[in-house]
Amino acid sequence: MLGLIGASEAERYWTLQAQIMAENTASRALHAKCGFREVGIRERLGHLNGVWHDVVLLERRSPKTGGPGLPTRGCD
């Protein structure tokens, strides 16, 4: 995970996103430890072994890239 974060920052990516089944507490904990925050839940989106599962949306914003000068969009 740290290698992915480092590589994304080297390429000047500001945001990484992840989607993890809600029951996958180990992966959610790993992502949290690496600076991801939970930003939402998509209900019954993931399908595994004939069962639908809620999916947690996570994102990590880099403190090394981004900031002032990022492109913005308005609602024109």
N, C-alpha and C. Protein backbone atom coordinates (compact mmCIF):
# COMPACT_ATOMS: atom_id res chain seq x y z
N MET A 1 0.83 -1.18 0.00
CA MET A 1 0.00 0.00 0.00
C MET A 1 0.88 1.25 0.00
N LEU A 2 1.94 1.24 0.79
CA LEU A 2 2.82 2.41 0.83
C LEU A 2 3.51 2.63 -0.51
N GLY A 3 3.82 1.55 -1.22
CA GLY A 3 4.41 1.67 -2.55
C GLY A 3 3.43 2.32 -3.53
N LEU A 4 2.17 1.94 -3.45
CA LEU A 4 1.15 2.53 -4.31
C LEU A 4 0.99 4.02 -4.01
N ILE A 5 0.97 4.38 -2.74
CA ILE A 5 0.84 5.79 -2.35
C ILE A 5 2.04 6.58 -2.85
N GLY A 6 3.24 6.05 -2.64
CA GLY A 6 4.45 6.73 -3.10
C GLY A 6 4.47 6.91 -4.60
N ALA A 7 4.08 5.88 -5.34
CA ALA A 7 4.07 5.96 -6.80
C ALA A 7 3.03 6.97 -7.28
N SER A 8 1.88 7.00 -6.63
CA SER A 8 0.84 7.95 -7.05
C SER A 8 1.28 9.39 -6.78
N GLU A 9 1.97 9.61 -5.68
CA GLU A 9 2.46 10.96 -5.38
C GLU A 9 3.58 11.37 -6.33
N ALA A 10 4.41 10.42 -6.71
CA ALA A 10 5.48 10.71 -7.68
C ALA A 10 4.90 11.15 -9.02
N GLU A 11 3.72 10.63 -9.35
CA GLU A 11 3.04 10.99 -10.60
C GLU A 11 2.09 12.17 -10.39
N ARG A 12 2.12 12.77 -9.19
CA ARG A 12 1.34 13.96 -8.85
C ARG A 12 -0.16 13.71 -8.74
N TYR A 13 -0.56 12.47 -8.42
CA TYR A 13 -1.96 12.21 -8.15
C TYR A 13 -2.31 12.79 -6.79
N TRP A 14 -3.46 13.43 -6.71
CA TRP A 14 -3.88 14.05 -5.46
C TRP A 14 -4.80 13.14 -4.65
N THR A 15 -5.63 12.36 -5.34
CA THR A 15 -6.63 11.55 -4.66
C THR A 15 -6.56 10.09 -5.11
N LEU A 16 -6.57 9.19 -4.14
CA LEU A 16 -6.74 7.76 -4.39
C LEU A 16 -8.10 7.37 -3.84
N GLN A 17 -8.80 6.48 -4.54
CA GLN A 17 -10.10 6.01 -4.09
C GLN A 17 -10.10 4.50 -3.98
N ALA A 18 -10.91 4.00 -3.06
CA ALA A 18 -11.06 2.56 -2.88
C ALA A 18 -12.51 2.24 -2.59
N GLN A 19 -12.92 1.03 -2.95
CA GLN A 19 -14.24 0.53 -2.61
C GLN A 19 -14.05 -0.84 -1.98
N ILE A 20 -14.55 -1.01 -0.75
CA ILE A 20 -14.31 -2.24 0.01
C ILE A 20 -15.63 -2.72 0.59
N MET A 21 -15.87 -4.01 0.50
CA MET A 21 -17.08 -4.55 1.13
C MET A 21 -17.07 -4.24 2.62
N ALA A 22 -18.21 -3.82 3.13
CA ALA A 22 -18.31 -3.34 4.51
C ALA A 22 -17.81 -4.37 5.53
N GLU A 23 -17.99 -5.64 5.26
CA GLU A 23 -17.60 -6.68 6.20
C GLU A 23 -16.08 -6.90 6.25
N ASN A 24 -15.35 -6.35 5.30
CA ASN A 24 -13.90 -6.58 5.22
C ASN A 24 -13.18 -5.62 6.17
N THR A 25 -13.27 -5.91 7.45
CA THR A 25 -12.72 -5.01 8.47
C THR A 25 -11.20 -4.92 8.41
N ALA A 26 -10.53 -5.98 8.01
CA ALA A 26 -9.06 -5.94 7.92
C ALA A 26 -8.61 -4.94 6.85
N SER A 27 -9.24 -4.97 5.68
CA SER A 27 -8.87 -4.06 4.61
C SER A 27 -9.24 -2.62 4.97
N ARG A 28 -10.39 -2.44 5.60
CA ARG A 28 -10.79 -1.09 6.02
C ARG A 28 -9.79 -0.53 7.04
N ALA A 29 -9.32 -1.37 7.95
CA ALA A 29 -8.34 -0.92 8.96
C ALA A 29 -7.00 -0.58 8.30
N LEU A 30 -6.57 -1.39 7.33
CA LEU A 30 -5.32 -1.10 6.62
C LEU A 30 -5.42 0.23 5.90
N HIS A 31 -6.51 0.45 5.19
CA HIS A 31 -6.68 1.70 4.47
C HIS A 31 -6.69 2.89 5.44
N ALA A 32 -7.38 2.75 6.56
CA ALA A 32 -7.42 3.84 7.55
C ALA A 32 -6.02 4.14 8.07
N LYS A 33 -5.24 3.10 8.33
CA LYS A 33 -3.88 3.27 8.82
C LYS A 33 -3.01 4.01 7.79
N CYS A 34 -3.35 3.87 6.51
CA CYS A 34 -2.58 4.51 5.44
C CYS A 34 -3.18 5.86 5.03
N GLY A 35 -4.09 6.38 5.82
CA GLY A 35 -4.59 7.73 5.57
C GLY A 35 -5.87 7.85 4.78
N PHE A 36 -6.52 6.74 4.48
CA PHE A 36 -7.80 6.81 3.78
C PHE A 36 -8.90 7.13 4.78
N ARG A 37 -9.93 7.83 4.32
CA ARG A 37 -11.09 8.09 5.17
C ARG A 37 -12.33 7.59 4.45
N GLU A 38 -13.29 7.15 5.23
CA GLU A 38 -14.54 6.65 4.66
C GLU A 38 -15.42 7.84 4.31
N VAL A 39 -15.89 7.85 3.06
CA VAL A 39 -16.68 8.98 2.58
C VAL A 39 -18.11 8.61 2.21
N GLY A 40 -18.44 7.34 2.24
CA GLY A 40 -19.80 6.95 1.91
C GLY A 40 -19.98 5.45 1.86
N ILE A 41 -21.23 5.05 1.68
CA ILE A 41 -21.57 3.64 1.55
C ILE A 41 -22.53 3.49 0.38
N ARG A 42 -22.26 2.50 -0.44
CA ARG A 42 -23.17 2.14 -1.53
C ARG A 42 -23.83 0.84 -1.13
N GLU A 43 -25.13 0.89 -0.97
CA GLU A 43 -25.87 -0.26 -0.46
C GLU A 43 -26.02 -1.35 -1.52
N ARG A 44 -25.74 -2.57 -1.09
CA ARG A 44 -25.93 -3.76 -1.91
C ARG A 44 -25.31 -3.62 -3.30
N LEU A 45 -24.07 -3.18 -3.35
CA LEU A 45 -23.39 -3.00 -4.63
C LEU A 45 -22.47 -4.18 -4.95
N GLY A 46 -21.81 -4.73 -3.92
CA GLY A 46 -20.88 -5.84 -4.14
C GLY A 46 -21.59 -7.18 -4.08
N HIS A 47 -21.27 -8.05 -5.01
CA HIS A 47 -21.90 -9.37 -5.06
C HIS A 47 -20.83 -10.45 -4.93
N LEU A 48 -20.98 -11.30 -3.93
CA LEU A 48 -20.01 -12.36 -3.69
C LEU A 48 -20.73 -13.61 -3.20
N ASN A 49 -20.48 -14.71 -3.86
CA ASN A 49 -21.07 -16.01 -3.47
C ASN A 49 -22.58 -15.94 -3.33
N GLY A 50 -23.23 -15.26 -4.27
CA GLY A 50 -24.69 -15.19 -4.28
C GLY A 50 -25.31 -14.23 -3.28
N VAL A 51 -24.50 -13.43 -2.62
CA VAL A 51 -24.99 -12.49 -1.61
C VAL A 51 -24.57 -11.07 -1.99
N TRP A 52 -25.50 -10.12 -1.86
CA TRP A 52 -25.19 -8.72 -2.09
C TRP A 52 -24.67 -8.10 -0.81
N HIS A 53 -23.65 -7.24 -0.94
CA HIS A 53 -23.02 -6.61 0.22
C HIS A 53 -22.94 -5.10 0.02
N ASP A 54 -22.99 -4.37 1.13
CA ASP A 54 -22.74 -2.93 1.08
C ASP A 54 -21.25 -2.71 0.82
N VAL A 55 -20.93 -1.64 0.11
CA VAL A 55 -19.55 -1.30 -0.23
C VAL A 55 -19.24 0.08 0.36
N VAL A 56 -18.12 0.15 1.07
CA VAL A 56 -17.68 1.41 1.68
C VAL A 56 -16.75 2.12 0.70
N LEU A 57 -17.01 3.41 0.50
CA LEU A 57 -16.16 4.22 -0.37
C LEU A 57 -15.14 4.93 0.49
N LEU A 58 -13.87 4.87 0.09
CA LEU A 58 -12.79 5.51 0.83
C LEU A 58 -11.99 6.39 -0.11
N GLU A 59 -11.37 7.42 0.44
CA GLU A 59 -10.44 8.22 -0.36
C GLU A 59 -9.29 8.69 0.50
N ARG A 60 -8.19 8.95 -0.19
CA ARG A 60 -6.99 9.50 0.47
C ARG A 60 -6.53 10.67 -0.36
N ARG A 61 -6.43 11.84 0.26
CA ARG A 61 -5.91 13.03 -0.40
C ARG A 61 -4.47 13.21 0.04
N SER A 62 -3.57 13.36 -0.91
CA SER A 62 -2.16 13.47 -0.61
C SER A 62 -1.83 14.83 -0.03
N PRO A 63 -1.07 14.85 1.06
CA PRO A 63 -0.60 16.14 1.58
C PRO A 63 0.60 16.67 0.81
N LYS A 64 1.17 15.84 -0.09
CA LYS A 64 2.36 16.23 -0.84
C LYS A 64 2.03 16.80 -2.21
N THR A 65 0.90 16.42 -2.77
CA THR A 65 0.50 16.93 -4.08
C THR A 65 -0.82 17.65 -3.91
N GLY A 66 -1.22 18.37 -4.91
CA GLY A 66 -2.47 19.11 -4.82
C GLY A 66 -2.29 20.45 -4.15
N GLY A 67 -3.34 20.96 -3.58
CA GLY A 67 -3.29 22.25 -2.93
C GLY A 67 -3.61 23.38 -3.88
N PRO A 68 -3.09 24.60 -3.62
CA PRO A 68 -3.40 25.75 -4.47
C PRO A 68 -3.01 25.49 -5.92
N GLY A 69 -3.84 25.98 -6.81
CA GLY A 69 -3.57 25.80 -8.24
C GLY A 69 -4.22 24.59 -8.86
N LEU A 70 -4.94 23.78 -8.05
CA LEU A 70 -5.64 22.65 -8.63
C LEU A 70 -6.77 23.15 -9.54
N PRO A 71 -7.03 22.46 -10.62
CA PRO A 71 -8.15 22.86 -11.47
C PRO A 71 -9.47 22.72 -10.71
N THR A 72 -10.39 23.62 -10.97
CA THR A 72 -11.70 23.56 -10.35
C THR A 72 -12.76 23.64 -11.44
N ARG A 73 -13.93 23.17 -11.13
CA ARG A 73 -15.05 23.25 -12.08
C ARG A 73 -16.21 23.92 -11.37
N GLY A 74 -16.88 24.76 -12.10
CA GLY A 74 -18.10 25.36 -11.59
C GLY A 74 -19.30 24.77 -12.30
N CYS A 75 -20.46 25.05 -11.82
CA CYS A 75 -21.70 24.62 -12.46
C CYS A 75 -22.18 25.74 -13.37
N ASP A 76 -21.77 25.67 -14.62
CA ASP A 76 -22.14 26.73 -15.56
C ASP A 76 -23.47 26.44 -16.22
